[in-house]
């Protein structure tokens, strides 16, 4: 499929698909006239890249682990392929994700407590 069709099927603008190629995340074939040509697995790859980016991973991290991802729920990383640098990047990212989760949970709890307190003090209408 051409880049326009991949864009339509994934909802990712062609500009971003070209960027993913520049970042060595996508590897389209080229036709004789130079057009990019993507196989069917590119749809899954783009969806996976988007999911990883949305989770906060950098393109550098994604480039390191993408070859070992078989699908959204499957990771096949031979232990000898995980370099100390990649392990450190991923470990740091896990720590940042956990810090965000903790912060969100604190904010959720504070807002819930505020709402409960305000609702408890609110006069009953219609009495």
PDB file of N, CA and C in Angstrom:
ATOM      1  N   UNK A   1       0.848  -1.172   0.000  1.00  0.00           N
ATOM      2  CA  UNK A   1       0.000   0.000   0.000  1.00  0.00           C
ATOM      3  C   UNK A   1       0.888   1.228   0.000  1.00  0.00           C
ATOM      4  N   UNK A   2       0.378   2.297  -0.571  1.00  0.00           N
ATOM      5  CA  UNK A   2       1.114   3.562  -0.587  1.00  0.00           C
ATOM      6  C   UNK A   2       0.922   4.280   0.743  1.00  0.00           C
ATOM      7  N   UNK A   3       1.707   5.319   0.951  1.00  0.00           N
ATOM      8  CA  UNK A   3       1.709   6.036   2.220  1.00  0.00           C
ATOM      9  C   UNK A   3       0.336   6.639   2.548  1.00  0.00           C
ATOM     10  N   UNK A   4      -0.393   7.099   1.530  1.00  0.00           N
ATOM     11  CA  UNK A   4      -1.718   7.668   1.764  1.00  0.00           C
ATOM     12  C   UNK A   4      -2.690   6.651   2.331  1.00  0.00           C
ATOM     13  N   UNK A   5      -2.635   5.430   1.812  1.00  0.00           N
ATOM     14  CA  UNK A   5      -3.520   4.379   2.320  1.00  0.00           C
ATOM     15  C   UNK A   5      -3.131   3.998   3.748  1.00  0.00           C
ATOM     16  N   UNK A   6      -1.829   3.912   4.017  1.00  0.00           N
ATOM     17  CA  UNK A   6      -1.388   3.609   5.384  1.00  0.00           C
ATOM     18  C   UNK A   6      -1.858   4.705   6.336  1.00  0.00           C
ATOM     19  N   UNK A   7      -1.797   5.923   5.894  1.00  0.00           N
ATOM     20  CA  UNK A   7      -2.275   7.048   6.699  1.00  0.00           C
ATOM     21  C   UNK A   7      -3.765   6.903   6.992  1.00  0.00           C
ATOM     22  N   UNK A   8      -4.552   6.601   5.975  1.00  0.00           N
ATOM     23  CA  UNK A   8      -5.999   6.438   6.157  1.00  0.00           C
ATOM     24  C   UNK A   8      -6.316   5.285   7.104  1.00  0.00           C
ATOM     25  N   UNK A   9      -5.601   4.196   6.957  1.00  0.00           N
ATOM     26  CA  UNK A   9      -5.899   3.004   7.762  1.00  0.00           C
ATOM     27  C   UNK A   9      -5.467   3.145   9.214  1.00  0.00           C
ATOM     28  N   UNK A  10      -4.484   3.988   9.475  1.00  0.00           N
ATOM     29  CA  UNK A  10      -3.973   4.120  10.842  1.00  0.00           C
ATOM     30  C   UNK A  10      -4.383   5.432  11.504  1.00  0.00           C
ATOM     31  N   UNK A  11      -4.848   6.388  10.701  1.00  0.00           N
ATOM     32  CA  UNK A  11      -5.187   7.698  11.245  1.00  0.00           C
ATOM     33  C   UNK A  11      -3.968   8.556  11.538  1.00  0.00           C
ATOM     34  N   UNK A  12      -2.814   8.150  11.067  1.00  0.00           N
ATOM     35  CA  UNK A  12      -1.568   8.886  11.294  1.00  0.00           C
ATOM     36  C   UNK A  12      -1.243   9.679  10.027  1.00  0.00           C
ATOM     37  N   UNK A  13      -1.036  10.990  10.154  1.00  0.00           N
ATOM     38  CA  UNK A  13      -0.742  11.803   8.979  1.00  0.00           C
ATOM     39  C   UNK A  13       0.515  11.319   8.242  1.00  0.00           C
ATOM     40  N   UNK A  14       0.526  11.515   6.945  1.00  0.00           N
ATOM     41  CA  UNK A  14       1.671  11.084   6.131  1.00  0.00           C
ATOM     42  C   UNK A  14       2.963  11.747   6.606  1.00  0.00           C
ATOM     43  N   UNK A  15       2.870  12.981   7.073  1.00  0.00           N
ATOM     44  CA  UNK A  15       4.054  13.689   7.572  1.00  0.00           C
ATOM     45  C   UNK A  15       4.696  12.905   8.716  1.00  0.00           C
ATOM     46  N   UNK A  16       3.853  12.367   9.624  1.00  0.00           N
ATOM     47  CA  UNK A  16       4.383  11.582  10.742  1.00  0.00           C
ATOM     48  C   UNK A  16       4.933  10.236  10.272  1.00  0.00           C
ATOM     49  N   UNK A  17       4.291   9.645   9.283  1.00  0.00           N
ATOM     50  CA  UNK A  17       4.804   8.378   8.761  1.00  0.00           C
ATOM     51  C   UNK A  17       6.192   8.579   8.165  1.00  0.00           C
ATOM     52  N   UNK A  18       6.409   9.679   7.467  1.00  0.00           N
ATOM     53  CA  UNK A  18       7.742   9.985   6.933  1.00  0.00           C
ATOM     54  C   UNK A  18       8.741  10.209   8.073  1.00  0.00           C
ATOM     55  N   UNK A  19       8.275  10.866   9.127  1.00  0.00           N
ATOM     56  CA  UNK A  19       9.130  11.090  10.295  1.00  0.00           C
ATOM     57  C   UNK A  19       9.527   9.753  10.928  1.00  0.00           C
ATOM     58  N   UNK A  20       8.575   8.830  11.048  1.00  0.00           N
ATOM     59  CA  UNK A  20       8.891   7.514  11.608  1.00  0.00           C
ATOM     60  C   UNK A  20       9.953   6.817  10.756  1.00  0.00           C
ATOM     61  N   UNK A  21       9.861   7.001   9.448  1.00  0.00           N
ATOM     62  CA  UNK A  21      10.873   6.424   8.562  1.00  0.00           C
ATOM     63  C   UNK A  21      12.234   7.084   8.815  1.00  0.00           C
ATOM     64  N   UNK A  22      12.244   8.414   8.950  1.00  0.00           N
ATOM     65  CA  UNK A  22      13.501   9.130   9.241  1.00  0.00           C
ATOM     66  C   UNK A  22      14.112   8.658  10.555  1.00  0.00           C
ATOM     67  N   UNK A  23      13.256   8.319  11.510  1.00  0.00           N
ATOM     68  CA  UNK A  23      13.718   7.865  12.828  1.00  0.00           C
ATOM     69  C   UNK A  23      14.046   6.372  12.843  1.00  0.00           C
ATOM     70  N   UNK A  24      13.989   5.735  11.689  1.00  0.00           N
ATOM     71  CA  UNK A  24      14.319   4.318  11.536  1.00  0.00           C
ATOM     72  C   UNK A  24      13.325   3.414  12.268  1.00  0.00           C
ATOM     73  N   UNK A  25      12.063   3.851  12.325  1.00  0.00           N
ATOM     74  CA  UNK A  25      11.019   3.049  12.953  1.00  0.00           C
ATOM     75  C   UNK A  25      10.196   2.293  11.910  1.00  0.00           C
ATOM     76  N   UNK A  26      10.069   2.846  10.736  1.00  0.00           N
ATOM     77  CA  UNK A  26       9.364   2.209   9.620  1.00  0.00           C
ATOM     78  C   UNK A  26      10.350   2.005   8.479  1.00  0.00           C
ATOM     79  N   UNK A  27      10.166   0.920   7.761  1.00  0.00           N
ATOM     80  CA  UNK A  27      11.091   0.593   6.677  1.00  0.00           C
ATOM     81  C   UNK A  27      10.314   0.193   5.421  1.00  0.00           C
ATOM     82  N   UNK A  28       9.760   1.174   4.716  1.00  0.00           N
ATOM     83  CA  UNK A  28       8.999   0.829   3.508  1.00  0.00           C
ATOM     84  C   UNK A  28       9.924   0.412   2.375  1.00  0.00           C
ATOM     85  N   UNK A  29       9.363  -0.384   1.487  1.00  0.00           N
ATOM     86  CA  UNK A  29      10.068  -0.682   0.243  1.00  0.00           C
ATOM     87  C   UNK A  29       9.854   0.511  -0.681  1.00  0.00           C
ATOM     88  N   UNK A  30      10.611   0.570  -1.750  1.00  0.00           N
ATOM     89  CA  UNK A  30      10.445   1.632  -2.754  1.00  0.00           C
ATOM     90  C   UNK A  30      10.118   0.979  -4.095  1.00  0.00           C
ATOM     91  N   UNK A  31       9.144   1.577  -4.772  1.00  0.00           N
ATOM     92  CA  UNK A  31       8.813   1.090  -6.105  1.00  0.00           C
ATOM     93  C   UNK A  31       9.848   1.641  -7.086  1.00  0.00           C
ATOM     94  N   UNK A  32       9.781   1.200  -8.329  1.00  0.00           N
ATOM     95  CA  UNK A  32      10.742   1.648  -9.346  1.00  0.00           C
ATOM     96  C   UNK A  32      10.736   3.164  -9.508  1.00  0.00           C
ATOM     97  N   UNK A  33       9.565   3.768  -9.324  1.00  0.00           N
ATOM     98  CA  UNK A  33       9.478   5.224  -9.487  1.00  0.00           C
ATOM     99  C   UNK A  33       9.753   5.969  -8.169  1.00  0.00           C
ATOM    100  N   UNK A  34      10.171   5.251  -7.124  1.00  0.00           N
ATOM    101  CA  UNK A  34      10.576   5.889  -5.883  1.00  0.00           C
ATOM    102  C   UNK A  34       9.494   6.038  -4.829  1.00  0.00           C
ATOM    103  N   UNK A  35       8.255   5.629  -5.150  1.00  0.00           N
ATOM    104  CA  UNK A  35       7.187   5.735  -4.154  1.00  0.00           C
ATOM    105  C   UNK A  35       7.410   4.739  -3.024  1.00  0.00           C
ATOM    106  N   UNK A  36       7.015   5.136  -1.819  1.00  0.00           N
ATOM    107  CA  UNK A  36       7.067   4.229  -0.679  1.00  0.00           C
ATOM    108  C   UNK A  36       5.976   3.172  -0.855  1.00  0.00           C
ATOM    109  N   UNK A  37       6.302   1.956  -0.473  1.00  0.00           N
ATOM    110  CA  UNK A  37       5.329   0.877  -0.519  1.00  0.00           C
ATOM    111  C   UNK A  37       5.418   0.117   0.802  1.00  0.00           C
ATOM    112  N   UNK A  38       4.276   0.005   1.482  1.00  0.00           N
ATOM    113  CA  UNK A  38       4.208  -0.634   2.791  1.00  0.00           C
ATOM    114  C   UNK A  38       3.441  -1.940   2.688  1.00  0.00           C
ATOM    115  N   UNK A  39       3.942  -2.947   3.352  1.00  0.00           N
ATOM    116  CA  UNK A  39       3.232  -4.219   3.446  1.00  0.00           C
ATOM    117  C   UNK A  39       2.169  -4.137   4.531  1.00  0.00           C
ATOM    118  N   UNK A  40       1.334  -5.140   4.587  1.00  0.00           N
ATOM    119  CA  UNK A  40       0.247  -5.197   5.568  1.00  0.00           C
ATOM    120  C   UNK A  40       0.732  -5.061   7.016  1.00  0.00           C
ATOM    121  N   UNK A  41       1.879  -5.652   7.393  1.00  0.00           N
ATOM    122  CA  UNK A  41       2.343  -5.517   8.781  1.00  0.00           C
ATOM    123  C   UNK A  41       2.618  -4.067   9.204  1.00  0.00           C
ATOM    124  N   UNK A  42       2.765  -3.163   8.260  1.00  0.00           N
ATOM    125  CA  UNK A  42       3.034  -1.762   8.600  1.00  0.00           C
ATOM    126  C   UNK A  42       1.877  -1.148   9.384  1.00  0.00           C
ATOM    127  N   UNK A  43       0.657  -1.615   9.153  1.00  0.00           N
ATOM    128  CA  UNK A  43      -0.500  -1.092   9.894  1.00  0.00           C
ATOM    129  C   UNK A  43      -0.314  -1.388  11.378  1.00  0.00           C
ATOM    130  N   UNK A  44       0.003  -2.628  11.695  1.00  0.00           N
ATOM    131  CA  UNK A  44       0.241  -3.009  13.090  1.00  0.00           C
ATOM    132  C   UNK A  44       1.446  -2.263  13.663  1.00  0.00           C
ATOM    133  N   UNK A  45       2.499  -2.137  12.864  1.00  0.00           N
ATOM    134  CA  UNK A  45       3.706  -1.441  13.328  1.00  0.00           C
ATOM    135  C   UNK A  45       3.406   0.007  13.682  1.00  0.00           C
ATOM    136  N   UNK A  46       2.650   0.693  12.834  1.00  0.00           N
ATOM    137  CA  UNK A  46       2.320   2.098  13.097  1.00  0.00           C
ATOM    138  C   UNK A  46       1.445   2.209  14.341  1.00  0.00           C
ATOM    139  N   UNK A  47       0.480   1.320  14.479  1.00  0.00           N
ATOM    140  CA  UNK A  47      -0.362   1.345  15.674  1.00  0.00           C
ATOM    141  C   UNK A  47       0.474   1.114  16.924  1.00  0.00           C
ATOM    142  N   UNK A  48       1.431   0.215  16.831  1.00  0.00           N
ATOM    143  CA  UNK A  48       2.299  -0.063  17.969  1.00  0.00           C
ATOM    144  C   UNK A  48       3.192   1.146  18.275  1.00  0.00           C
ATOM    145  N   UNK A  49       3.747   1.759  17.253  1.00  0.00           N
ATOM    146  CA  UNK A  49       4.573   2.953  17.443  1.00  0.00           C
ATOM    147  C   UNK A  49       3.750   4.039  18.119  1.00  0.00           C
ATOM    148  N   UNK A  50       2.525   4.253  17.644  1.00  0.00           N
ATOM    149  CA  UNK A  50       1.655   5.282  18.253  1.00  0.00           C
ATOM    150  C   UNK A  50       1.391   4.972  19.719  1.00  0.00           C
ATOM    151  N   UNK A  51       1.115   3.727  20.018  1.00  0.00           N
ATOM    152  CA  UNK A  51       0.859   3.350  21.405  1.00  0.00           C
ATOM    153  C   UNK A  51       2.069   3.584  22.292  1.00  0.00           C
ATOM    154  N   UNK A  52       3.238   3.253  21.790  1.00  0.00           N
ATOM    155  CA  UNK A  52       4.463   3.448  22.564  1.00  0.00           C
ATOM    156  C   UNK A  52       4.763   4.934  22.747  1.00  0.00           C
ATOM    157  N   UNK A  53       4.557   5.715  21.691  1.00  0.00           N
ATOM    158  CA  UNK A  53       4.750   7.167  21.805  1.00  0.00           C
ATOM    159  C   UNK A  53       3.750   7.764  22.783  1.00  0.00           C
ATOM    160  N   UNK A  54       2.509   7.310  22.705  1.00  0.00           N
ATOM    161  CA  UNK A  54       1.476   7.820  23.613  1.00  0.00           C
ATOM    162  C   UNK A  54       1.779   7.486  25.071  1.00  0.00           C
ATOM    163  N   UNK A  55       2.507   6.386  25.286  1.00  0.00           N
ATOM    164  CA  UNK A  55       2.865   6.022  26.659  1.00  0.00           C
ATOM    165  C   UNK A  55       4.073   6.806  27.149  1.00  0.00           C
ATOM    166  N   UNK A  56       4.650   7.609  26.265  1.00  0.00           N
ATOM    167  CA  UNK A  56       5.754   8.468  26.673  1.00  0.00           C
ATOM    168  C   UNK A  56       7.128   8.000  26.258  1.00  0.00           C
ATOM    169  N   UNK A  57       7.222   6.869  25.571  1.00  0.00           N
ATOM    170  CA  UNK A  57       8.536   6.428  25.125  1.00  0.00           C
ATOM    171  C   UNK A  57       9.054   7.357  24.029  1.00  0.00           C
ATOM    172  N   UNK A  58      10.347   7.529  23.994  1.00  0.00           N
ATOM    173  CA  UNK A  58      10.963   8.331  22.937  1.00  0.00           C
ATOM    174  C   UNK A  58      11.185   7.456  21.710  1.00  0.00           C
ATOM    175  N   UNK A  59      11.431   8.081  20.577  1.00  0.00           N
ATOM    176  CA  UNK A  59      11.710   7.304  19.371  1.00  0.00           C
ATOM    177  C   UNK A  59      12.988   6.486  19.551  1.00  0.00           C
ATOM    178  N   UNK A  60      13.929   6.991  20.339  1.00  0.00           N
ATOM    179  CA  UNK A  60      15.158   6.244  20.614  1.00  0.00           C
ATOM    180  C   UNK A  60      14.838   4.935  21.335  1.00  0.00           C
ATOM    181  N   UNK A  61      13.983   5.005  22.349  1.00  0.00           N
ATOM    182  CA  UNK A  61      13.602   3.793  23.084  1.00  0.00           C
ATOM    183  C   UNK A  61      12.831   2.838  22.183  1.00  0.00           C
ATOM    184  N   UNK A  62      11.921   3.393  21.406  1.00  0.00           N
ATOM    185  CA  UNK A  62      11.101   2.553  20.522  1.00  0.00           C
ATOM    186  C   UNK A  62      11.989   1.850  19.505  1.00  0.00           C
ATOM    187  N   UNK A  63      12.939   2.582  18.938  1.00  0.00           N
ATOM    188  CA  UNK A  63      13.854   1.987  17.960  1.00  0.00           C
ATOM    189  C   UNK A  63      14.604   0.803  18.582  1.00  0.00           C
ATOM    190  N   UNK A  64      14.941   0.902  19.872  1.00  0.00           N
ATOM    191  CA  UNK A  64      15.689  -0.162  20.542  1.00  0.00           C
ATOM    192  C   UNK A  64      14.849  -1.412  20.776  1.00  0.00           C
ATOM    193  N   UNK A  65      13.553  -1.237  21.041  1.00  0.00           N
ATOM    194  CA  UNK A  65      12.740  -2.411  21.398  1.00  0.00           C
ATOM    195  C   UNK A  65      11.795  -2.875  20.295  1.00  0.00           C
ATOM    196  N   UNK A  66      11.514  -2.044  19.317  1.00  0.00           N
ATOM    197  CA  UNK A  66      10.537  -2.380  18.279  1.00  0.00           C
ATOM    198  C   UNK A  66      10.824  -3.702  17.563  1.00  0.00           C
ATOM    199  N   UNK A  67      12.083  -4.017  17.271  1.00  0.00           N
ATOM    200  CA  UNK A  67      12.314  -5.293  16.573  1.00  0.00           C
ATOM    201  C   UNK A  67      11.875  -6.524  17.365  1.00  0.00           C
ATOM    202  N   UNK A  68      11.662  -6.370  18.673  1.00  0.00           N
ATOM    203  CA  UNK A  68      11.330  -7.513  19.521  1.00  0.00           C
ATOM    204  C   UNK A  68       9.857  -7.570  19.895  1.00  0.00           C
ATOM    205  N   UNK A  69       9.072  -6.673  19.365  1.00  0.00           N
ATOM    206  CA  UNK A  69       7.644  -6.652  19.667  1.00  0.00           C
ATOM    207  C   UNK A  69       6.898  -7.370  18.554  1.00  0.00           C
ATOM    208  N   UNK A  70       6.097  -8.355  18.933  1.00  0.00           N
ATOM    209  CA  UNK A  70       5.346  -9.124  17.944  1.00  0.00           C
ATOM    210  C   UNK A  70       3.910  -8.662  17.834  1.00  0.00           C
ATOM    211  N   UNK A  71       3.473  -7.881  18.762  1.00  0.00           N
ATOM    212  CA  UNK A  71       2.106  -7.403  18.783  1.00  0.00           C
ATOM    213  C   UNK A  71       1.918  -6.610  20.052  1.00  0.00           C
ATOM    214  N   UNK A  72       0.736  -6.060  20.228  1.00  0.00           N
ATOM    215  CA  UNK A  72       0.509  -5.197  21.383  1.00  0.00           C
ATOM    216  C   UNK A  72       0.742  -5.876  22.726  1.00  0.00           C
ATOM    217  N   UNK A  73       0.527  -7.187  22.799  1.00  0.00           N
ATOM    218  CA  UNK A  73       0.658  -7.881  24.077  1.00  0.00           C
ATOM    219  C   UNK A  73       1.803  -8.882  24.099  1.00  0.00           C
ATOM    220  N   UNK A  74       2.640  -8.858  23.082  1.00  0.00           N
ATOM    221  CA  UNK A  74       3.705  -9.850  23.004  1.00  0.00           C
ATOM    222  C   UNK A  74       5.057  -9.178  22.865  1.00  0.00           C
ATOM    223  N   UNK A  75       6.000  -9.608  23.706  1.00  0.00           N
ATOM    224  CA  UNK A  75       7.366  -9.110  23.625  1.00  0.00           C
ATOM    225  C   UNK A  75       8.285 -10.322  23.605  1.00  0.00           C
ATOM    226  N   UNK A  76       9.149 -10.369  22.620  1.00  0.00           N
ATOM    227  CA  UNK A  76      10.117 -11.459  22.501  1.00  0.00           C
ATOM    228  C   UNK A  76      11.507 -10.846  22.472  1.00  0.00           C
ATOM    229  N   UNK A  77      12.082 -10.666  23.645  1.00  0.00           N
ATOM    230  CA  UNK A  77      13.405 -10.068  23.724  1.00  0.00           C
ATOM    231  C   UNK A  77      14.392 -11.105  24.255  1.00  0.00           C
ATOM    232  N   UNK A  78      15.252 -11.583  23.379  1.00  0.00           N
ATOM    233  CA  UNK A  78      16.300 -12.463  23.895  1.00  0.00           C
ATOM    234  C   UNK A  78      17.154 -11.667  24.883  1.00  0.00           C
ATOM    235  N   UNK A  79      17.480 -12.270  26.010  1.00  0.00           N
ATOM    236  CA  UNK A  79      18.189 -11.561  27.076  1.00  0.00           C
ATOM    237  C   UNK A  79      19.478 -10.910  26.589  1.00  0.00           C
ATOM    238  N   UNK A  80      20.174 -11.546  25.643  1.00  0.00           N
ATOM    239  CA  UNK A  80      21.441 -10.980  25.184  1.00  0.00           C
ATOM    240  C   UNK A  80      21.256  -9.776  24.259  1.00  0.00           C
ATOM    241  N   UNK A  81      20.027  -9.477  23.861  1.00  0.00           N
ATOM    242  CA  UNK A  81      19.764  -8.318  23.000  1.00  0.00           C
ATOM    243  C   UNK A  81      19.510  -7.043  23.806  1.00  0.00           C
ATOM    244  N   UNK A  82      19.256  -7.175  25.087  1.00  0.00           N
ATOM    245  CA  UNK A  82      18.978  -6.016  25.926  1.00  0.00           C
ATOM    246  C   UNK A  82      20.302  -5.453  26.426  1.00  0.00           C
ATOM    247  N   UNK A  83      20.723  -4.362  25.825  1.00  0.00           N
ATOM    248  CA  UNK A  83      21.986  -3.749  26.237  1.00  0.00           C
ATOM    249  C   UNK A  83      21.799  -3.035  27.563  1.00  0.00           C
ATOM    250  N   UNK A  84      22.864  -2.806  28.305  1.00  0.00           N
ATOM    251  CA  UNK A  84      22.753  -2.059  29.561  1.00  0.00           C
ATOM    252  C   UNK A  84      22.166  -0.661  29.344  1.00  0.00           C
ATOM    253  N   UNK A  85      22.498  -0.038  28.223  1.00  0.00           N
ATOM    254  CA  UNK A  85      21.973   1.298  27.932  1.00  0.00           C
ATOM    255  C   UNK A  85      20.467   1.260  27.729  1.00  0.00           C
ATOM    256  N   UNK A  86      19.993   0.279  26.959  1.00  0.00           N
ATOM    257  CA  UNK A  86      18.557   0.152  26.721  1.00  0.00           C
ATOM    258  C   UNK A  86      17.836  -0.196  28.016  1.00  0.00           C
ATOM    259  N   UNK A  87      18.413  -1.082  28.805  1.00  0.00           N
ATOM    260  CA  UNK A  87      17.806  -1.450  30.086  1.00  0.00           C
ATOM    261  C   UNK A  87      17.687  -0.221  30.988  1.00  0.00           C
ATOM    262  N   UNK A  88      18.717   0.613  31.009  1.00  0.00           N
ATOM    263  CA  UNK A  88      18.679   1.822  31.834  1.00  0.00           C
ATOM    264  C   UNK A  88      17.621   2.797  31.328  1.00  0.00           C
ATOM    265  N   UNK A  89      17.528   2.964  30.009  1.00  0.00           N
ATOM    266  CA  UNK A  89      16.504   3.845  29.433  1.00  0.00           C
ATOM    267  C   UNK A  89      15.109   3.382  29.826  1.00  0.00           C
ATOM    268  N   UNK A  90      14.870   2.095  29.670  1.00  0.00           N
ATOM    269  CA  UNK A  90      13.545   1.556  29.974  1.00  0.00           C
ATOM    270  C   UNK A  90      13.245   1.612  31.468  1.00  0.00           C
ATOM    271  N   UNK A  91      14.224   1.322  32.287  1.00  0.00           N
ATOM    272  CA  UNK A  91      14.038   1.378  33.734  1.00  0.00           C
ATOM    273  C   UNK A  91      13.706   2.803  34.183  1.00  0.00           C
ATOM    274  N   UNK A  92      14.431   3.772  33.657  1.00  0.00           N
ATOM    275  CA  UNK A  92      14.149   5.177  33.982  1.00  0.00           C
ATOM    276  C   UNK A  92      12.740   5.556  33.545  1.00  0.00           C
ATOM    277  N   UNK A  93      12.337   5.056  32.393  1.00  0.00           N
ATOM    278  CA  UNK A  93      11.005   5.390  31.895  1.00  0.00           C
ATOM    279  C   UNK A  93       9.925   4.760  32.771  1.00  0.00           C
ATOM    280  N   UNK A  94      10.146   3.538  33.201  1.00  0.00           N
ATOM    281  CA  UNK A  94       9.189   2.893  34.110  1.00  0.00           C
ATOM    282  C   UNK A  94       9.053   3.714  35.387  1.00  0.00           C
ATOM    283  N   UNK A  95      10.173   4.207  35.896  1.00  0.00           N
ATOM    284  CA  UNK A  95      10.138   5.044  37.103  1.00  0.00           C
ATOM    285  C   UNK A  95       9.343   6.326  36.857  1.00  0.00           C
ATOM    286  N   UNK A  96       9.517   6.958  35.693  1.00  0.00           N
ATOM    287  CA  UNK A  96       8.771   8.183  35.376  1.00  0.00           C
ATOM    288  C   UNK A  96       7.278   7.892  35.241  1.00  0.00           C
ATOM    289  N   UNK A  97       6.933   6.771  34.622  1.00  0.00           N
ATOM    290  CA  UNK A  97       5.523   6.390  34.505  1.00  0.00           C
ATOM    291  C   UNK A  97       4.920   6.199  35.898  1.00  0.00           C
ATOM    292  N   UNK A  98       5.644   5.500  36.780  1.00  0.00           N
ATOM    293  CA  UNK A  98       5.140   5.261  38.127  1.00  0.00           C
ATOM    294  C   UNK A  98       4.952   6.569  38.880  1.00  0.00           C
ATOM    295  N   UNK A  99       5.877   7.507  38.710  1.00  0.00           N
ATOM    296  CA  UNK A  99       5.751   8.813  39.373  1.00  0.00           C
ATOM    297  C   UNK A  99       4.505   9.539  38.878  1.00  0.00           C
ATOM    298  N   UNK A 100       4.218   9.448  37.577  1.00  0.00           N
ATOM    299  CA  UNK A 100       3.005  10.083  37.040  1.00  0.00           C
ATOM    300  C   UNK A 100       1.755   9.411  37.579  1.00  0.00           C
ATOM    301  N   UNK A 101       1.782   8.082  37.669  1.00  0.00           N
ATOM    302  CA  UNK A 101       0.636   7.349  38.215  1.00  0.00           C
ATOM    303  C   UNK A 101       0.393   7.778  39.658  1.00  0.00           C
ATOM    304  N   UNK A 102       1.461   7.850  40.444  1.00  0.00           N
ATOM    305  CA  UNK A 102       1.331   8.265  41.845  1.00  0.00           C
ATOM    306  C   UNK A 102       0.754   9.672  41.951  1.00  0.00           C
ATOM    307  N   UNK A 103       1.241  10.581  41.118  1.00  0.00           N
ATOM    308  CA  UNK A 103       0.750  11.961  41.123  1.00  0.00           C
ATOM    309  C   UNK A 103      -0.727  12.014  40.730  1.00  0.00           C
ATOM    310  N   UNK A 104      -1.100  11.281  39.703  1.00  0.00           N
ATOM    311  CA  UNK A 104      -2.500  11.249  39.281  1.00  0.00           C
ATOM    312  C   UNK A 104      -3.389  10.674  40.375  1.00  0.00           C
ATOM    313  N   UNK A 105      -2.924   9.632  41.044  1.00  0.00           N
ATOM    314  CA  UNK A 105      -3.716   9.032  42.115  1.00  0.00           C
ATOM    315  C   UNK A 105      -3.899  10.023  43.266  1.00  0.00           C
ATOM    316  N   UNK A 106      -2.840  10.751  43.636  1.00  0.00           N
ATOM    317  CA  UNK A 106      -2.967  11.763  44.692  1.00  0.00           C
ATOM    318  C   UNK A 106      -3.966  12.837  44.286  1.00  0.00           C
ATOM    319  N   UNK A 107      -3.869  13.314  43.053  1.00  0.00           N
ATOM    320  CA  UNK A 107      -4.793  14.352  42.581  1.00  0.00           C
ATOM    321  C   UNK A 107      -6.228  13.842  42.531  1.00  0.00           C
ATOM    322  N   UNK A 108      -6.421  12.602  42.092  1.00  0.00           N
ATOM    323  CA  UNK A 108      -7.757  12.005  42.075  1.00  0.00           C
ATOM    324  C   UNK A 108      -8.330  11.966  43.487  1.00  0.00           C
ATOM    325  N   UNK A 109      -7.521  11.505  44.435  1.00  0.00           N
ATOM    326  CA  UNK A 109      -7.988  11.403  45.819  1.00  0.00           C
ATOM    327  C   UNK A 109      -8.322  12.775  46.405  1.00  0.00           C
ATOM    328  N   UNK A 110      -7.502  13.771  46.115  1.00  0.00           N
ATOM    329  CA  UNK A 110      -7.767  15.128  46.615  1.00  0.00           C
ATOM    330  C   UNK A 110      -9.053  15.697  46.026  1.00  0.00           C
ATOM    331  N   UNK A 111      -9.230  15.526  44.711  1.00  0.00           N
ATOM    332  CA  UNK A 111     -10.443  16.038  44.066  1.00  0.00           C
ATOM    333  C   UNK A 111     -11.688  15.311  44.582  1.00  0.00           C
ATOM    334  N   UNK A 112     -11.572  14.004  44.769  1.00  0.00           N
ATOM    335  CA  UNK A 112     -12.709  13.244  45.297  1.00  0.00           C
ATOM    336  C   UNK A 112     -13.064  13.712  46.703  1.00  0.00           C
ATOM    337  N   UNK A 113     -12.048  13.953  47.530  1.00  0.00           N
ATOM    338  CA  UNK A 113     -12.293  14.437  48.891  1.00  0.00           C
ATOM    339  C   UNK A 113     -12.928  15.824  48.858  1.00  0.00           C
ATOM    340  N   UNK A 114     -12.461  16.677  47.974  1.00  0.00           N
ATOM    341  CA  UNK A 114     -13.029  18.019  47.843  1.00  0.00           C
ATOM    342  C   UNK A 114     -14.501  17.932  47.439  1.00  0.00           C
ATOM    343  N   UNK A 115     -14.796  17.133  46.431  1.00  0.00           N
ATOM    344  CA  UNK A 115     -16.182  16.983  45.983  1.00  0.00           C
ATOM    345  C   UNK A 115     -17.067  16.434  47.094  1.00  0.00           C
ATOM    346  N   UNK A 116     -16.579  15.454  47.815  1.00  0.00           N
ATOM    347  CA  UNK A 116     -17.361  14.876  48.907  1.00  0.00           C
ATOM    348  C   UNK A 116     -17.641  15.926  49.977  1.00  0.00           C
ATOM    349  N   UNK A 117     -16.647  16.740  50.304  1.00  0.00           N
ATOM    350  CA  UNK A 117     -16.821  17.786  51.332  1.00  0.00           C
ATOM    351  C   UNK A 117     -17.798  18.849  50.861  1.00  0.00           C
ATOM    352  N   UNK A 118     -17.685  19.259  49.604  1.00  0.00           N
ATOM    353  CA  UNK A 118     -18.596  20.287  49.072  1.00  0.00           C
ATOM    354  C   UNK A 118     -20.020  19.760  49.010  1.00  0.00           C
ATOM    355  N   UNK A 119     -20.177  18.551  48.587  1.00  0.00           N
ATOM    356  CA  UNK A 119     -21.518  17.958  48.483  1.00  0.00           C
ATOM    357  C   UNK A 119     -22.150  17.766  49.855  1.00  0.00           C
ATOM    358  N   UNK A 120     -21.358  17.455  50.849  1.00  0.00           N
ATOM    359  CA  UNK A 120     -21.875  17.255  52.202  1.00  0.00           C
ATOM    360  C   UNK A 120     -22.374  18.567  52.789  1.00  0.00           C
ATOM    361  N   UNK A 121     -21.752  19.692  52.415  1.00  0.00           N
ATOM    362  CA  UNK A 121     -22.133  21.005  52.933  1.00  0.00           C
ATOM    363  C   UNK A 121     -23.215  21.679  52.111  1.00  0.00           C
ATOM    364  N   UNK A 122     -23.530  21.142  50.949  1.00  0.00           N
ATOM    365  CA  UNK A 122     -24.516  21.782  50.065  1.00  0.00           C
ATOM    366  C   UNK A 122     -25.921  21.629  50.643  1.00  0.00           C
ATOM    367  N   UNK A 123     -26.710  22.721  50.603  1.00  0.00           N
ATOM    368  CA  UNK A 123     -28.097  22.605  51.085  1.00  0.00           C
ATOM    369  C   UNK A 123     -28.911  21.702  50.180  1.00  0.00           C
ATOM    370  N   UNK A 124     -29.855  21.041  50.756  1.00  0.00           N
ATOM    371  CA  UNK A 124     -30.740  20.169  49.992  1.00  0.00           C
ATOM    372  C   UNK A 124     -31.771  21.056  49.305  1.00  0.00           C
ATOM    373  N   UNK A 125     -31.909  20.944  48.027  1.00  0.00           N
ATOM    374  CA  UNK A 125     -32.838  21.760  47.251  1.00  0.00           C
ATOM    375  C   UNK A 125     -34.221  21.118  47.229  1.00  0.00           C
ATOM    376  N   UNK A 126     -35.206  21.965  47.102  1.00  0.00           N
ATOM    377  CA  UNK A 126     -36.573  21.494  46.933  1.00  0.00           C
ATOM    378  C   UNK A 126     -37.266  21.152  48.254  1.00  0.00           C
ATOM    379  N   UNK A 127     -36.646  21.455  49.357  1.00  0.00           N
ATOM    380  CA  UNK A 127     -37.278  21.152  50.649  1.00  0.00           C
ATOM    381  C   UNK A 127     -38.148  22.284  51.100  1.00  0.00           C
TER     382      UNK A 127
END
